[in-house]
Structures are given as structure tokens and as C-alpha cells.
Amino acid sequence: MVGGDLLTGHPPADRPRRHGRVTLAVAAAAIGLALVGSFFLRQQRATDPVAARQVSAQETPAETPSTLAWLSALVARDGTSVTVYAGTSAECEELVQPQAAVVEQDDTRVVIAVKARTVSASDCTTSGGAIPLVVSLPEPLGDRVLRDAATAVPPPTYFERDLPGLSSDKRWSPHPGRWASTDDGWFQGYNGPGGSHLLAAARPTAEAGRPATVGTLTIGARKGVITGGAEGSWTLWWAAGEVTYSLRLTPAEGSTFTLAQFKREMGRLHWD
């Protein structure tokens, strides 16, 4: 055919139109296959079990500190700071980053809150001890009552002003491993001259019990009673308000103290 396509018999102008129709058909088929493939892929993912996501330590949210009850408090001699003792009530647990602060105060009370995270202890043999936390007061405590924010009650409160000034007596040095605050009271140990030891203690008077009295001693403005004996140790007891304080003097191993020596040692302490 003159002027036509020698292979098909169609005019030359008809070839581009046929080529366009073929291209559109191929593209439509490809799109259809892609949609079908996507549908089956979504179906497969919906039925596959979800793999557990590994969370790094940096992504693990920190547990919010809890407000914990504290055991007791020791008020500094000048009344401007308080040491509260906090611990856990369960065995083999310990506190992480404990902090104490005044959260409320007025003319009659000062409320202190202790916050910390509680975790399983790495060493159960050393866990469970009370931790001392020092709180600075905006003004001296005076006659105000300390209260625990967690329980709203006043835990046992002891005062350095009712104890002799052992921290200023160079003959006695506090033993870092000989202090404690428990349900039975507060204790602080001291190393003294010649290998002797002194144990200061405080406990609510209602819970204090002592052996038979063997003597008395005037200490400052108070009168104390003495228990014990030369074969072991001597203890001096006195009361201030609703608290009973005591000092137990133990001689070095192989030594003894007579009652007169004990009285003399107690009289050398700095009593207000």
C-alpha cells in the first residue's frame, strides 16, 4: 500500500496511538500488581507474631521516688538543723538517692518529708540500716514539734542539748561504725582514752528500762542515776521531757573502772 506501513498495512500516523495504548495498559497492570502485593503483605504482617523490642537502659523510665516514713530525729545543739534517720521496713532492700526536706511549717510544727526509691539490696547482709539525712531549718526549731510527712505523726525526737558536748571533747572521737537509729532508739559510739569506749543512747522514756540503781550523780541541772558494776561497764541515766538518755562507759579489754572513776569521767564531760 502506497504511503502505508509495509508490515501492518496501517497508515504511519496510527503507530504512535497504538504505542500509547500499550504503555497505559502495562502501567495499569503494574499498579494493580503493586496494590495486590501490598494487600497480601499487610495480611501477612497482621498474622505474624510481634517481636519483642529491646529497650536500652537509657530508655527505661526511672521510678518516681516515694515519700517514706522516717524513724527518728536528732536536733542539733543550736536547733538550726535536724538529722532524720530513714530506712526500709522490708528485709534485703535499700534506698536509692534518699533526700529530706522541710515541706511545711508554722508556729507549732515543722513537717519533714523523706523521698527515695526502694530497690533490692545488692548485699542483704548490710542492708536495712537507717540512713542519716541532714535538714537545714529556716529558723531554729524551738518548741515546735517535728512531724513526718508520710505518717503525719511526730516520730521520736532527741536533742543534742540534752547530751554532753562530746563533739567538742577531744578525748572522745565518734566511731563511724557505731551509730544507729532503730525502733529501740538512737545510739552513737565513741572511742576514748586508753582504749575505753562510750556509748550515748536515747529512747522514749515509756520504752526505757534499766537495771537496779547503784548510785546517783548531778550532771549540769539534772540528776542522773548509775547502774552497772566494776566487773563490766557503768551506765549513767537521766531524763529530759519524754526521752531517757544514757551514757555507758566500757573500759579497755583487761581493765576496770571503779564507781569513783566512772563518776570522775562523767564529771569531766561538758554538760550544759
Protein backbone atom coordinates (compact mmCIF):
# COMPACT_ATOMS: atom_id res chain seq x y z
CA MET A 1 0.00 0.00 0.00
CA VAL A 2 1.43 3.25 -1.12
CA GLY A 3 2.19 5.61 1.76
CA GLY A 4 1.27 2.96 4.41
CA ASP A 5 3.15 0.76 6.86
CA LEU A 6 4.65 -2.13 4.90
CA LEU A 7 4.28 -4.61 7.83
CA THR A 8 0.82 -3.81 9.15
CA GLY A 9 -0.91 -2.05 6.41
CA HIS A 10 -1.84 0.80 8.76
CA PRO A 11 -1.04 4.37 7.98
CA PRO A 12 2.21 5.62 9.64
CA ALA A 13 0.25 8.16 11.69
CA ASP A 14 -1.57 5.34 13.57
CA ARG A 15 1.59 3.83 15.22
CA PRO A 16 2.04 6.39 17.99
CA ARG A 17 -1.58 5.96 19.08
CA ARG A 18 -1.22 2.19 19.36
CA HIS A 19 2.06 2.51 21.27
CA GLY A 20 0.43 4.85 23.81
CA ARG A 21 -2.41 2.41 24.42
CA VAL A 22 0.07 -0.42 25.11
CA THR A 23 2.07 1.70 27.54
CA LEU A 24 -1.04 2.65 29.51
CA ALA A 25 -2.12 -0.98 29.73
CA VAL A 26 1.29 -2.07 31.05
CA ALA A 27 1.32 0.71 33.65
CA ALA A 28 -2.19 -0.17 34.83
CA ALA A 29 -1.21 -3.81 35.24
CA ALA A 30 1.87 -2.86 37.25
CA ILE A 31 -0.17 -0.67 39.58
CA GLY A 32 -2.69 -3.46 40.08
CA LEU A 33 0.04 -5.96 40.97
CA ALA A 34 1.57 -3.50 43.42
CA LEU A 35 -1.78 -2.99 45.17
CA VAL A 36 -2.40 -6.73 45.41
CA GLY A 37 1.12 -7.31 46.74
CA SER A 38 0.69 -4.60 49.34
CA PHE A 39 -2.61 -6.12 50.49
CA PHE A 40 -1.08 -9.59 50.99
CA LEU A 41 1.93 -8.09 52.74
CA ARG A 42 -0.33 -6.30 55.22
CA GLN A 43 -2.27 -9.50 55.80
CA GLN A 44 0.95 -11.40 56.43
CA ARG A 45 2.22 -8.77 58.95
CA ALA A 46 -1.11 -8.84 60.76
CA THR A 47 -0.80 -12.58 61.38
CA ASP A 48 2.95 -12.61 62.18
CA PRO A 49 3.85 -12.57 65.93
CA VAL A 50 5.20 -9.19 67.09
CA ALA A 51 8.86 -9.38 68.00
CA ALA A 52 9.80 -8.08 71.47
CA ARG A 53 11.50 -4.70 71.30
CA GLN A 54 14.80 -4.45 73.10
CA VAL A 55 14.76 -1.39 75.39
CA SER A 56 18.08 0.05 76.38
CA ALA A 57 18.85 1.20 79.90
CA GLN A 58 18.78 4.79 78.70
CA GLU A 59 15.20 4.34 77.51
CA THR A 60 13.91 2.75 80.75
CA PRO A 61 11.98 5.40 82.68
CA ALA A 62 13.25 5.96 86.23
CA GLU A 63 10.88 5.03 89.02
CA THR A 64 9.38 8.05 90.74
CA PRO A 65 10.70 8.50 94.32
CA SER A 66 8.18 7.69 97.03
CA THR A 67 7.56 9.55 100.27
CA LEU A 68 8.81 7.29 103.06
CA ALA A 69 8.31 7.31 106.80
CA TRP A 70 11.40 8.15 108.85
CA LEU A 71 12.33 6.57 112.18
CA SER A 72 13.57 9.35 114.44
CA ALA A 73 15.30 12.73 114.50
CA LEU A 74 18.27 14.29 116.30
CA VAL A 75 18.11 18.08 116.65
CA ALA A 76 21.45 19.89 116.60
CA ARG A 77 22.56 21.82 119.68
CA ASP A 78 21.80 25.18 118.06
CA GLY A 79 18.40 23.97 116.79
CA THR A 80 19.00 25.07 113.20
CA SER A 81 19.49 21.64 111.66
CA VAL A 82 17.88 18.24 112.12
CA THR A 83 19.22 14.80 111.27
CA VAL A 84 16.40 12.44 110.35
CA TYR A 85 17.04 8.70 110.11
CA ALA A 86 15.27 6.83 107.33
CA GLY A 87 15.31 3.20 106.29
CA THR A 88 13.20 0.46 104.75
CA SER A 89 10.69 -1.75 106.52
CA ALA A 90 11.45 -4.82 104.39
CA GLU A 91 14.45 -7.13 104.51
CA CYS A 92 17.06 -7.06 101.75
CA GLU A 93 16.03 -3.64 100.44
CA GLU A 94 17.88 -0.35 100.28
CA LEU A 95 17.16 3.28 99.49
CA VAL A 96 18.41 4.98 96.34
CA GLN A 97 19.23 8.71 96.48
CA PRO A 98 17.22 9.49 99.63
CA GLN A 99 16.53 13.18 100.26
CA ALA A 100 14.88 15.01 103.14
CA ALA A 101 13.39 18.50 103.15
CA VAL A 102 11.02 20.73 105.07
CA VAL A 103 7.67 20.71 103.25
CA GLU A 104 5.54 22.65 105.74
CA GLN A 105 5.99 24.67 108.91
CA ASP A 106 4.14 27.07 111.19
CA ASP A 107 4.36 28.28 114.79
CA THR A 108 3.68 24.83 116.23
CA ARG A 109 5.24 22.27 113.89
CA VAL A 110 7.81 21.51 111.21
CA VAL A 111 6.92 18.80 108.69
CA ILE A 112 9.81 16.92 107.08
CA ALA A 113 9.44 14.59 104.08
CA VAL A 114 11.89 11.88 103.05
CA LYS A 115 11.77 10.76 99.42
CA ALA A 116 13.68 7.89 97.84
CA ARG A 117 13.42 4.91 95.53
CA THR A 118 13.42 1.45 97.12
CA VAL A 119 15.30 -1.34 95.33
CA SER A 120 16.51 -4.84 96.10
CA ALA A 121 19.78 -4.71 98.03
CA SER A 122 22.93 -5.93 96.35
CA ASP A 123 24.13 -7.28 99.71
CA CYS A 124 21.41 -8.41 102.12
CA THR A 125 23.88 -8.71 105.00
CA THR A 126 24.47 -4.94 105.07
CA SER A 127 21.01 -3.69 104.07
CA GLY A 128 18.28 -2.37 106.30
CA GLY A 129 20.28 0.17 108.32
CA ALA A 130 18.91 3.65 108.84
CA ILE A 131 20.46 6.46 106.78
CA PRO A 132 21.09 9.89 108.37
CA LEU A 133 19.80 12.84 106.34
CA VAL A 134 20.59 16.39 107.47
CA VAL A 135 17.91 19.05 107.00
CA SER A 136 18.63 22.76 107.49
CA LEU A 137 15.80 24.71 109.09
CA PRO A 138 14.92 28.25 108.01
CA GLU A 139 14.88 29.17 111.72
CA PRO A 140 15.63 27.33 114.99
CA LEU A 141 13.16 24.60 115.89
CA GLY A 142 12.49 25.99 119.37
CA ASP A 143 9.44 24.41 120.99
CA ARG A 144 7.88 23.32 117.70
CA VAL A 145 7.16 19.64 117.04
CA LEU A 146 8.74 17.68 114.22
CA ARG A 147 6.29 15.66 112.13
CA ASP A 148 6.74 13.07 109.42
CA ALA A 149 5.07 13.95 106.11
CA ALA A 150 4.37 10.28 105.35
CA THR A 151 2.54 9.48 108.59
CA ALA A 152 1.55 12.94 109.92
CA VAL A 153 2.75 11.85 113.38
CA PRO A 154 5.80 13.03 115.37
CA PRO A 155 8.46 10.29 115.44
CA PRO A 156 10.79 10.13 118.46
CA THR A 157 12.87 13.32 118.57
CA TYR A 158 16.14 13.60 120.51
CA PHE A 159 18.16 16.73 121.28
CA GLU A 160 21.91 17.27 121.39
CA ARG A 161 21.30 19.97 124.01
CA ASP A 162 20.27 17.20 126.43
CA LEU A 163 23.54 15.31 125.83
CA PRO A 164 27.05 16.29 126.94
CA GLY A 165 29.14 18.11 124.34
CA LEU A 166 31.09 15.06 123.23
CA SER A 167 31.84 16.52 119.79
CA SER A 168 33.88 19.31 121.40
CA ASP A 169 35.73 16.95 123.77
CA LYS A 170 38.99 15.94 122.13
CA ARG A 171 39.31 12.89 124.34
CA TRP A 172 36.36 11.22 122.61
CA SER A 173 36.00 10.65 118.88
CA PRO A 174 32.78 9.38 117.29
CA HIS A 175 33.07 5.94 115.81
CA PRO A 176 31.59 5.96 112.26
CA GLY A 177 30.51 2.34 112.57
CA ARG A 178 28.93 2.70 115.99
CA TRP A 179 25.79 4.70 115.48
CA ALA A 180 22.28 3.59 114.74
CA SER A 181 18.68 4.63 114.84
CA THR A 182 16.21 1.81 115.25
CA ASP A 183 12.77 1.22 116.72
CA ASP A 184 14.59 0.87 120.05
CA GLY A 185 16.14 4.35 119.93
CA TRP A 186 19.21 6.28 118.85
CA PHE A 187 22.83 5.23 119.58
CA GLN A 188 26.28 6.73 118.95
CA GLY A 189 29.59 5.14 119.92
CA TYR A 190 32.84 6.93 120.81
CA ASN A 191 36.44 5.81 121.16
CA GLY A 192 38.14 7.22 124.24
CA PRO A 193 41.43 7.38 126.13
CA GLY A 194 43.27 4.17 126.92
CA GLY A 195 41.07 2.11 124.62
CA SER A 196 37.87 2.80 126.55
CA HIS A 197 34.50 3.12 124.81
CA LEU A 198 31.50 5.33 125.41
CA LEU A 199 28.02 4.64 124.07
CA ALA A 200 25.49 7.50 124.06
CA ALA A 201 21.86 6.44 123.69
CA ALA A 202 18.38 7.95 123.68
CA ARG A 203 14.96 6.33 123.69
CA PRO A 204 11.40 7.28 124.59
CA THR A 205 11.06 7.11 128.37
CA ALA A 206 7.98 4.89 128.06
CA GLU A 207 10.15 2.26 126.37
CA ALA A 208 13.25 2.62 128.51
CA GLY A 209 14.13 0.01 131.11
CA ARG A 210 17.20 -0.02 133.31
CA PRO A 211 18.81 -2.27 135.97
CA ALA A 212 18.86 -1.51 139.67
CA THR A 213 20.33 1.83 140.71
CA VAL A 214 23.75 1.71 142.42
CA GLY A 215 24.41 5.44 142.72
CA THR A 216 23.46 8.96 141.66
CA LEU A 217 25.31 11.86 140.02
CA THR A 218 24.43 15.50 139.41
CA ILE A 219 25.07 16.47 135.77
CA GLY A 220 24.50 20.10 134.95
CA ALA A 221 20.99 20.98 136.03
CA ARG A 222 19.89 17.34 136.14
CA LYS A 223 20.32 14.42 138.43
CA GLY A 224 21.27 11.10 136.95
CA VAL A 225 21.27 7.56 138.27
CA ILE A 226 24.01 4.97 137.83
CA THR A 227 23.72 1.26 137.05
CA GLY A 228 26.27 -1.45 136.36
CA GLY A 229 29.39 -2.61 138.14
CA ALA A 230 33.18 -2.65 138.10
CA GLU A 231 33.25 -6.14 136.60
CA GLY A 232 31.76 -4.85 133.36
CA SER A 233 30.54 -1.37 132.45
CA TRP A 234 28.84 1.56 134.16
CA THR A 235 25.86 3.44 132.76
CA LEU A 236 24.58 6.90 133.63
CA TRP A 237 20.85 7.57 133.01
CA TRP A 238 18.85 10.81 133.01
CA ALA A 239 15.51 12.01 131.64
CA ALA A 240 14.62 15.14 129.65
CA GLY A 241 10.96 15.56 128.80
CA GLU A 242 9.66 12.27 127.43
CA VAL A 243 13.13 10.99 126.49
CA THR A 244 15.59 8.96 128.56
CA TYR A 245 19.27 9.39 127.73
CA SER A 246 22.19 7.25 128.84
CA LEU A 247 25.99 7.01 128.67
CA ARG A 248 27.63 3.61 129.05
CA LEU A 249 31.36 3.57 129.75
CA THR A 250 33.25 0.36 128.98
CA PRO A 251 36.94 0.08 129.93
CA ALA A 252 39.58 -1.28 127.58
CA GLU A 253 39.92 -5.03 127.47
CA GLY A 254 41.59 -6.26 130.65
CA SER A 255 40.88 -3.00 132.55
CA THR A 256 38.23 -1.94 135.04
CA PHE A 257 36.59 1.25 136.29
CA THR A 258 35.62 1.76 139.90
CA LEU A 259 32.43 3.68 140.67
CA ALA A 260 34.53 6.68 141.75
CA GLN A 261 36.49 6.61 138.47
CA PHE A 262 33.28 6.41 136.49
CA LYS A 263 31.83 9.43 138.29
CA ARG A 264 35.02 11.34 137.68
CA GLU A 265 34.94 10.56 133.94
CA MET A 266 31.31 11.64 133.69
CA GLY A 267 32.06 14.85 135.57
CA ARG A 268 34.79 15.78 133.06
CA LEU A 269 32.30 15.89 130.19
CA HIS A 270 30.89 19.21 129.00
CA TRP A 271 27.35 19.45 130.41
CA ASP A 272 25.16 22.46 129.61
